[in-house]
PDB file of N, CA and C in Angstrom:
ATOM      1  N   MET A   1     117.795 106.986  86.064  1.00  0.00           N
ATOM      2  CA  MET A   1     116.380 107.259  85.840  1.00  0.00           C
ATOM      3  C   MET A   1     116.021 108.677  86.289  1.00  0.00           C
ATOM      4  N   ASN A   2     116.600 109.130  87.372  1.00  0.00           N
ATOM      5  CA  ASN A   2     116.326 110.458  87.891  1.00  0.00           C
ATOM      6  C   ASN A   2     116.764 111.543  86.905  1.00  0.00           C
ATOM      7  N   GLN A   3     117.895 111.327  86.252  1.00  0.00           N
ATOM      8  CA  GLN A   3     118.411 112.295  85.284  1.00  0.00           C
ATOM      9  C   GLN A   3     117.466 112.428  84.088  1.00  0.00           C
ATOM     10  N   LYS A   4     116.926 111.313  83.612  1.00  0.00           N
ATOM     11  CA  LYS A   4     115.978 111.352  82.493  1.00  0.00           C
ATOM     12  C   LYS A   4     114.704 112.092  82.887  1.00  0.00           C
ATOM     13  N   PHE A   5     114.237 111.838  84.096  1.00  0.00           N
ATOM     14  CA  PHE A   5     113.020 112.499  84.576  1.00  0.00           C
ATOM     15  C   PHE A   5     113.219 114.011  84.618  1.00  0.00           C
ATOM     16  N   ARG A   6     114.347 114.463  85.139  1.00  0.00           N
ATOM     17  CA  ARG A   6     114.641 115.887  85.180  1.00  0.00           C
ATOM     18  C   ARG A   6     114.708 116.482  83.782  1.00  0.00           C
ATOM     19  N   TYR A   7     115.337 115.754  82.876  1.00  0.00           N
ATOM     20  CA  TYR A   7     115.462 116.230  81.494  1.00  0.00           C
ATOM     21  C   TYR A   7     114.085 116.413  80.865  1.00  0.00           C
ATOM     22  N   TYR A   8     113.224 115.424  80.986  1.00  0.00           N
ATOM     23  CA  TYR A   8     111.892 115.507  80.385  1.00  0.00           C
ATOM     24  C   TYR A   8     111.035 116.569  81.073  1.00  0.00           C
ATOM     25  N   LEU A   9     111.179 116.699  82.368  1.00  0.00           N
ATOM     26  CA  LEU A   9     110.426 117.722  83.088  1.00  0.00           C
ATOM     27  C   LEU A   9     110.882 119.114  82.662  1.00  0.00           C
ATOM     28  N   SER A  10     112.176 119.300  82.493  1.00  0.00           N
ATOM     29  CA  SER A  10     112.702 120.582  82.023  1.00  0.00           C
ATOM     30  C   SER A  10     112.226 120.880  80.609  1.00  0.00           C
ATOM     31  N   LEU A  11     112.278 119.890  79.754  1.00  0.00           N
ATOM     32  CA  LEU A  11     111.827 120.059  78.377  1.00  0.00           C
ATOM     33  C   LEU A  11     110.346 120.421  78.332  1.00  0.00           C
ATOM     34  N   LEU A  12     109.547 119.745  79.130  1.00  0.00           N
ATOM     35  CA  LEU A  12     108.115 120.034  79.181  1.00  0.00           C
ATOM     36  C   LEU A  12     107.842 121.450  79.674  1.00  0.00           C
ATOM     37  N   SER A  13     108.557 121.880  80.709  1.00  0.00           N
ATOM     38  CA  SER A  13     108.324 123.225  81.231  1.00  0.00           C
ATOM     39  C   SER A  13     108.761 124.295  80.229  1.00  0.00           C
ATOM     40  N   VAL A  14     109.860 124.067  79.518  1.00  0.00           N
ATOM     41  CA  VAL A  14     110.286 125.030  78.495  1.00  0.00           C
ATOM     42  C   VAL A  14     109.260 125.105  77.370  1.00  0.00           C
ATOM     43  N   LEU A  15     108.727 123.963  76.961  1.00  0.00           N
ATOM     44  CA  LEU A  15     107.699 123.965  75.914  1.00  0.00           C
ATOM     45  C   LEU A  15     106.433 124.683  76.369  1.00  0.00           C
ATOM     46  N   LEU A  16     106.021 124.466  77.611  1.00  0.00           N
ATOM     47  CA  LEU A  16     104.831 125.142  78.124  1.00  0.00           C
ATOM     48  C   LEU A  16     105.041 126.653  78.214  1.00  0.00           C
ATOM     49  N   ILE A  17     106.209 127.058  78.657  1.00  0.00           N
ATOM     50  CA  ILE A  17     106.518 128.492  78.733  1.00  0.00           C
ATOM     51  C   ILE A  17     106.530 129.089  77.322  1.00  0.00           C
ATOM     52  N   ALA A  18     107.107 128.372  76.361  1.00  0.00           N
ATOM     53  CA  ALA A  18     107.146 128.865  74.978  1.00  0.00           C
ATOM     54  C   ALA A  18     105.733 129.010  74.414  1.00  0.00           C
ATOM     55  N   LEU A  19     104.875 128.014  74.632  1.00  0.00           N
ATOM     56  CA  LEU A  19     103.496 128.093  74.146  1.00  0.00           C
ATOM     57  C   LEU A  19     102.732 129.228  74.815  1.00  0.00           C
ATOM     58  N   LEU A  20     102.923 129.383  76.102  1.00  0.00           N
ATOM     59  CA  LEU A  20     102.260 130.454  76.831  1.00  0.00           C
ATOM     60  C   LEU A  20     102.720 131.813  76.327  1.00  0.00           C
ATOM     61  N   SER A  21     104.008 131.937  76.095  1.00  0.00           N
ATOM     62  CA  SER A  21     104.559 133.211  75.622  1.00  0.00           C
ATOM     63  C   SER A  21     104.074 133.551  74.219  1.00  0.00           C
ATOM     64  N   ILE A  22     104.099 132.583  73.339  1.00  0.00           N
ATOM     65  CA  ILE A  22     103.695 132.821  71.955  1.00  0.00           C
ATOM     66  C   ILE A  22     102.216 133.205  71.861  1.00  0.00           C
ATOM     67  N   SER A  23     101.401 132.620  72.711  1.00  0.00           N
ATOM     68  CA  SER A  23      99.966 132.912  72.643  1.00  0.00           C
ATOM     69  C   SER A  23      99.602 134.247  73.296  1.00  0.00           C
ATOM     70  N   ASN A  24     100.561 134.889  73.968  1.00  0.00           N
ATOM     71  CA  ASN A  24     100.296 136.170  74.629  1.00  0.00           C
ATOM     72  C   ASN A  24     101.250 137.235  74.099  1.00  0.00           C
ATOM     73  N   ILE A  25     100.936 137.774  72.927  1.00  0.00           N
ATOM     74  CA  ILE A  25     101.843 138.750  72.326  1.00  0.00           C
ATOM     75  C   ILE A  25     101.339 140.183  72.431  1.00  0.00           C
ATOM     76  N   GLN A  26     100.203 140.405  73.089  1.00  0.00           N
ATOM     77  CA  GLN A  26      99.690 141.768  73.192  1.00  0.00           C
ATOM     78  C   GLN A  26     100.560 142.603  74.144  1.00  0.00           C
ATOM     79  N   GLU A  27     100.456 143.901  74.002  1.00  0.00           N
ATOM     80  CA  GLU A  27     101.223 144.836  74.832  1.00  0.00           C
ATOM     81  C   GLU A  27     100.537 145.004  76.189  1.00  0.00           C
ATOM     82  N   VAL A  28     101.343 145.092  77.238  1.00  0.00           N
ATOM     83  CA  VAL A  28     100.824 145.344  78.583  1.00  0.00           C
ATOM     84  C   VAL A  28     101.627 146.473  79.202  1.00  0.00           C
ATOM     85  N   GLU A  29     101.020 147.112  80.170  1.00  0.00           N
ATOM     86  CA  GLU A  29     101.708 148.192  80.877  1.00  0.00           C
ATOM     87  C   GLU A  29     102.335 147.614  82.139  1.00  0.00           C
ATOM     88  N   VAL A  30     103.635 147.790  82.260  1.00  0.00           N
ATOM     89  CA  VAL A  30     104.367 147.312  83.429  1.00  0.00           C
ATOM     90  C   VAL A  30     104.837 148.535  84.197  1.00  0.00           C
ATOM     91  N   SER A  31     104.474 148.593  85.476  1.00  0.00           N
ATOM     92  CA  SER A  31     104.892 149.754  86.264  1.00  0.00           C
ATOM     93  C   SER A  31     106.018 149.348  87.213  1.00  0.00           C
ATOM     94  N   PHE A  32     107.107 150.095  87.101  1.00  0.00           N
ATOM     95  CA  PHE A  32     108.222 149.934  88.009  1.00  0.00           C
ATOM     96  C   PHE A  32     108.036 150.948  89.134  1.00  0.00           C
ATOM     97  N   LEU A  33     109.047 151.204  89.897  1.00  0.00           N
ATOM     98  CA  LEU A  33     108.887 152.091  91.051  1.00  0.00           C
ATOM     99  C   LEU A  33     108.353 153.474  90.668  1.00  0.00           C
ATOM    100  N   ILE A  34     108.988 154.121  89.708  1.00  0.00           N
ATOM    101  CA  ILE A  34     108.579 155.494  89.387  1.00  0.00           C
ATOM    102  C   ILE A  34     108.145 155.680  87.937  1.00  0.00           C
ATOM    103  N   THR A  35     108.162 154.628  87.151  1.00  0.00           N
ATOM    104  CA  THR A  35     107.833 154.768  85.734  1.00  0.00           C
ATOM    105  C   THR A  35     106.938 153.622  85.269  1.00  0.00           C
ATOM    106  N   LYS A  36     106.282 153.854  84.160  1.00  0.00           N
ATOM    107  CA  LYS A  36     105.445 152.829  83.540  1.00  0.00           C
ATOM    108  C   LYS A  36     105.941 152.617  82.116  1.00  0.00           C
ATOM    109  N   VAL A  37     105.973 151.335  81.689  1.00  0.00           N
ATOM    110  CA  VAL A  37     106.506 150.986  80.380  1.00  0.00           C
ATOM    111  C   VAL A  37     105.522 150.055  79.681  1.00  0.00           C
ATOM    112  N   GLN A  38     105.371 150.220  78.384  1.00  0.00           N
ATOM    113  CA  GLN A  38     104.572 149.309  77.568  1.00  0.00           C
ATOM    114  C   GLN A  38     105.505 148.244  77.000  1.00  0.00           C
ATOM    115  N   LEU A  39     105.248 146.980  77.314  1.00  0.00           N
ATOM    116  CA  LEU A  39     106.064 145.867  76.829  1.00  0.00           C
ATOM    117  C   LEU A  39     105.163 144.766  76.293  1.00  0.00           C
ATOM    118  N   PRO A  40     105.652 143.997  75.328  1.00  0.00           N
ATOM    119  CA  PRO A  40     104.891 142.805  74.920  1.00  0.00           C
ATOM    120  C   PRO A  40     104.849 141.801  76.074  1.00  0.00           C
ATOM    121  N   LEU A  41     103.719 141.184  76.247  1.00  0.00           N
ATOM    122  CA  LEU A  41     103.548 140.238  77.344  1.00  0.00           C
ATOM    123  C   LEU A  41     104.531 139.082  77.244  1.00  0.00           C
ATOM    124  N   ILE A  42     104.926 138.724  76.035  1.00  0.00           N
ATOM    125  CA  ILE A  42     105.885 137.639  75.840  1.00  0.00           C
ATOM    126  C   ILE A  42     107.205 137.956  76.560  1.00  0.00           C
ATOM    127  N   LEU A  43     107.646 139.217  76.514  1.00  0.00           N
ATOM    128  CA  LEU A  43     108.883 139.601  77.204  1.00  0.00           C
ATOM    129  C   LEU A  43     108.726 139.543  78.720  1.00  0.00           C
ATOM    130  N   VAL A  44     107.571 139.957  79.205  1.00  0.00           N
ATOM    131  CA  VAL A  44     107.323 139.922  80.642  1.00  0.00           C
ATOM    132  C   VAL A  44     107.333 138.476  81.141  1.00  0.00           C
ATOM    133  N   ILE A  45     106.695 137.576  80.411  1.00  0.00           N
ATOM    134  CA  ILE A  45     106.654 136.163  80.800  1.00  0.00           C
ATOM    135  C   ILE A  45     108.050 135.554  80.756  1.00  0.00           C
ATOM    136  N   LEU A  46     108.779 135.784  79.686  1.00  0.00           N
ATOM    137  CA  LEU A  46     110.123 135.212  79.565  1.00  0.00           C
ATOM    138  C   LEU A  46     111.071 135.774  80.617  1.00  0.00           C
ATOM    139  N   PHE A  47     111.000 137.077  80.872  1.00  0.00           N
ATOM    140  CA  PHE A  47     111.847 137.673  81.895  1.00  0.00           C
ATOM    141  C   PHE A  47     111.532 137.087  83.273  1.00  0.00           C
ATOM    142  N   SER A  48     110.262 136.909  83.581  1.00  0.00           N
ATOM    143  CA  SER A  48     109.863 136.325  84.866  1.00  0.00           C
ATOM    144  C   SER A  48     110.364 134.891  84.990  1.00  0.00           C
ATOM    145  N   PHE A  49     110.260 134.129  83.919  1.00  0.00           N
ATOM    146  CA  PHE A  49     110.724 132.742  83.930  1.00  0.00           C
ATOM    147  C   PHE A  49     112.235 132.674  84.154  1.00  0.00           C
ATOM    148  N   ILE A  50     112.984 133.501  83.424  1.00  0.00           N
ATOM    149  CA  ILE A  50     114.444 133.486  83.553  1.00  0.00           C
ATOM    150  C   ILE A  50     114.863 133.955  84.942  1.00  0.00           C
ATOM    151  N   LEU A  51     114.223 134.991  85.462  1.00  0.00           N
ATOM    152  CA  LEU A  51     114.545 135.483  86.796  1.00  0.00           C
ATOM    153  C   LEU A  51     114.252 134.417  87.856  1.00  0.00           C
ATOM    154  N   GLY A  52     113.136 133.725  87.721  1.00  0.00           N
ATOM    155  CA  GLY A  52     112.798 132.649  88.657  1.00  0.00           C
ATOM    156  C   GLY A  52     113.793 131.503  88.586  1.00  0.00           C
ATOM    157  N   ALA A  53     114.232 131.150  87.382  1.00  0.00           N
ATOM    158  CA  ALA A  53     115.218 130.080  87.230  1.00  0.00           C
ATOM    159  C   ALA A  53     116.546 130.475  87.854  1.00  0.00           C
ATOM    160  N   LEU A  54     116.965 131.730  87.681  1.00  0.00           N
ATOM    161  CA  LEU A  54     118.223 132.194  88.280  1.00  0.00           C
ATOM    162  C   LEU A  54     118.159 132.201  89.803  1.00  0.00           C
ATOM    163  N   VAL A  55     117.055 132.653  90.350  1.00  0.00           N
ATOM    164  CA  VAL A  55     116.905 132.667  91.807  1.00  0.00           C
ATOM    165  C   VAL A  55     116.931 131.243  92.351  1.00  0.00           C
ATOM    166  N   THR A  56     116.239 130.335  91.689  1.00  0.00           N
ATOM    167  CA  THR A  56     116.245 128.933  92.112  1.00  0.00           C
ATOM    168  C   THR A  56     117.642 128.348  92.052  1.00  0.00           C
ATOM    169  N   LEU A  57     118.365 128.634  90.991  1.00  0.00           N
ATOM    170  CA  LEU A  57     119.726 128.142  90.836  1.00  0.00           C
ATOM    171  C   LEU A  57     120.630 128.692  91.933  1.00  0.00           C
ATOM    172  N   LEU A  58     120.511 129.972  92.219  1.00  0.00           N
ATOM    173  CA  LEU A  58     121.357 130.580  93.250  1.00  0.00           C
ATOM    174  C   LEU A  58     121.051 130.032  94.642  1.00  0.00           C
ATOM    175  N   TYR A  59     119.798 129.752  94.938  1.00  0.00           N
ATOM    176  CA  TYR A  59     119.457 129.207  96.249  1.00  0.00           C
ATOM    177  C   TYR A  59     119.798 127.730  96.382  1.00  0.00           C
ATOM    178  N   SER A  60     119.831 127.002  95.292  1.00  0.00           N
ATOM    179  CA  SER A  60     120.124 125.570  95.380  1.00  0.00           C
ATOM    180  C   SER A  60     121.619 125.301  95.391  1.00  0.00           C
ATOM    181  N   ARG A  61     122.435 126.206  94.896  1.00  0.00           N
ATOM    182  CA  ARG A  61     123.884 126.017  94.848  1.00  0.00           C
ATOM    183  C   ARG A  61     124.515 125.827  96.229  1.00  0.00           C
ATOM    184  N   PRO A  62     124.272 126.719  97.194  1.00  0.00           N
ATOM    185  CA  PRO A  62     124.932 126.550  98.491  1.00  0.00           C
ATOM    186  C   PRO A  62     124.572 125.237  99.183  1.00  0.00           C
ATOM    187  N   SER A  63     123.346 124.778  99.042  1.00  0.00           N
ATOM    188  CA  SER A  63     122.961 123.540  99.709  1.00  0.00           C
ATOM    189  C   SER A  63     123.688 122.347  99.102  1.00  0.00           C
ATOM    190  N   LYS A  64     123.916 122.351  97.786  1.00  0.00           N
ATOM    191  CA  LYS A  64     124.655 121.261  97.167  1.00  0.00           C
ATOM    192  C   LYS A  64     126.093 121.249  97.665  1.00  0.00           C
ATOM    193  N   LYS A  65     126.694 122.436  97.784  1.00  0.00           N
ATOM    194  CA  LYS A  65     128.071 122.521  98.248  1.00  0.00           C
ATOM    195  C   LYS A  65     128.165 122.072  99.704  1.00  0.00           C
ATOM    196  N   LYS A  66     127.201 122.455 100.503  1.00  0.00           N
ATOM    197  CA  LYS A  66     127.200 122.078 101.912  1.00  0.00           C
ATOM    198  C   LYS A  66     127.101 120.559 102.059  1.00  0.00           C
ATOM    199  N   LYS A  67     126.238 119.927 101.259  1.00  0.00           N
ATOM    200  CA  LYS A  67     126.104 118.474 101.304  1.00  0.00           C
ATOM    201  C   LYS A  67     127.393 117.794 100.880  1.00  0.00           C
ATOM    202  N   LYS A  68     128.050 118.352  99.867  1.00  0.00           N
ATOM    203  CA  LYS A  68     129.300 117.789  99.378  1.00  0.00           C
ATOM    204  C   LYS A  68     130.379 117.894 100.453  1.00  0.00           C
ATOM    205  N   ASP A  69     130.439 119.030 101.141  1.00  0.00           N
ATOM    206  CA  ASP A  69     131.416 119.221 102.206  1.00  0.00           C
ATOM    207  C   ASP A  69     131.137 118.283 103.379  1.00  0.00           C
ATOM    208  N   GLN A  70     129.864 118.066 103.697  1.00  0.00           N
ATOM    209  CA  GLN A  70     129.506 117.147 104.775  1.00  0.00           C
ATOM    210  C   GLN A  70     129.933 115.731 104.438  1.00  0.00           C
ATOM    211  N   LYS A  71     129.762 115.342 103.189  1.00  0.00           N
ATOM    212  CA  LYS A  71     130.150 114.016 102.747  1.00  0.00           C
ATOM    213  C   LYS A  71     131.649 113.806 102.936  1.00  0.00           C
ATOM    214  N   ARG A  72     132.425 114.823 102.604  1.00  0.00           N
ATOM    215  CA  ARG A  72     133.874 114.735 102.720  1.00  0.00           C
ATOM    216  C   ARG A  72     134.321 114.698 104.171  1.00  0.00           C
ATOM    217  N   SER A  73     133.634 115.405 105.053  1.00  0.00           N
ATOM    218  CA  SER A  73     134.082 115.523 106.438  1.00  0.00           C
ATOM    219  C   SER A  73     133.678 114.332 107.309  1.00  0.00           C
ATOM    220  N   THR A  74     132.709 113.538 106.886  1.00  0.00           N
ATOM    221  CA  THR A  74     132.310 112.392 107.695  1.00  0.00           C
ATOM    222  C   THR A  74     133.367 111.299 107.586  1.00  0.00           C
ATOM    223  N   PRO A  75     133.792 110.744 108.732  1.00  0.00           N
ATOM    224  CA  PRO A  75     134.827 109.703 108.686  1.00  0.00           C
ATOM    225  C   PRO A  75     134.273 108.402 108.123  1.00  0.00           C
ATOM    226  N   GLU A  76     135.142 107.682 107.472  1.00  0.00           N
ATOM    227  CA  GLU A  76     134.740 106.391 106.923  1.00  0.00           C
ATOM    228  C   GLU A  76     134.642 105.385 108.066  1.00  0.00           C
ATOM    229  N   PRO A  77     133.719 104.441 107.982  1.00  0.00           N
ATOM    230  CA  PRO A  77     133.584 103.444 109.052  1.00  0.00           C
ATOM    231  C   PRO A  77     134.834 102.547 109.105  1.00  0.00           C
ATOM    232  N   LYS A  78     135.270 102.284 110.341  1.00  0.00           N
ATOM    233  CA  LYS A  78     136.446 101.434 110.509  1.00  0.00           C
ATOM    234  C   LYS A  78     136.036  99.984 110.510  1.00  0.00           C
ATOM    235  N   GLU A  79     136.927  99.158 110.012  1.00  0.00           N
ATOM    236  CA  GLU A  79     136.641  97.726 110.000  1.00  0.00           C
ATOM    237  C   GLU A  79     136.893  97.147 111.374  1.00  0.00           C
ATOM    238  N   LEU A  80     136.039  96.251 111.774  1.00  0.00           N
ATOM    239  CA  LEU A  80     136.195  95.590 113.063  1.00  0.00           C
ATOM    240  C   LEU A  80     137.181  94.433 112.933  1.00  0.00           C
ATOM    241  N   PRO A  81     137.988  94.207 113.958  1.00  0.00           N
ATOM    242  CA  PRO A  81     138.923  93.079 113.879  1.00  0.00           C
ATOM    243  C   PRO A  81     138.172  91.763 113.909  1.00  0.00           C
ATOM    244  N   GLU A  82     138.718  90.791 113.215  1.00  0.00           N
ATOM    245  CA  GLU A  82     138.081  89.480 113.177  1.00  0.00           C
ATOM    246  C   GLU A  82     138.261  88.769 114.499  1.00  0.00           C
ATOM    247  N   THR A  83     137.221  88.118 114.958  1.00  0.00           N
ATOM    248  CA  THR A  83     137.306  87.327 116.189  1.00  0.00           C
ATOM    249  C   THR A  83     137.124  85.863 115.866  1.00  0.00           C
ATOM    250  N   LYS A  84     137.834  85.021 116.629  1.00  0.00           N
ATOM    251  CA  LYS A  84     137.734  83.571 116.413  1.00  0.00           C
ATOM    252  C   LYS A  84     136.964  82.897 117.488  1.00  0.00           C
TER     253      LYS A  84
END
C-alpha cells in the first residue's frame, strides 16, 4: 500500500509541476552572481524542481544505507532452551 501511495503522490506532484510550468511561459530575469539572464519561467521552475529532487535524493541515500547496515549488524535473537 505504501508503494502505491508514493507512486500516486509522485504522479500528482509531476502533474502539478507540469501545469504550473505550462501556465508560466513568460520571460523573467534571473540574476546570478555577476550576470543577469532572460529565461522563460518554465525553465526556471523545471530547473528548481529537478535541483530540489536531486538534493533530496542525495540526502536520503546515506540514511537508507545506514539503516541497512544497522539491520545487518544487529545480532539475531537466540532461542531459549526448553525447560520441563
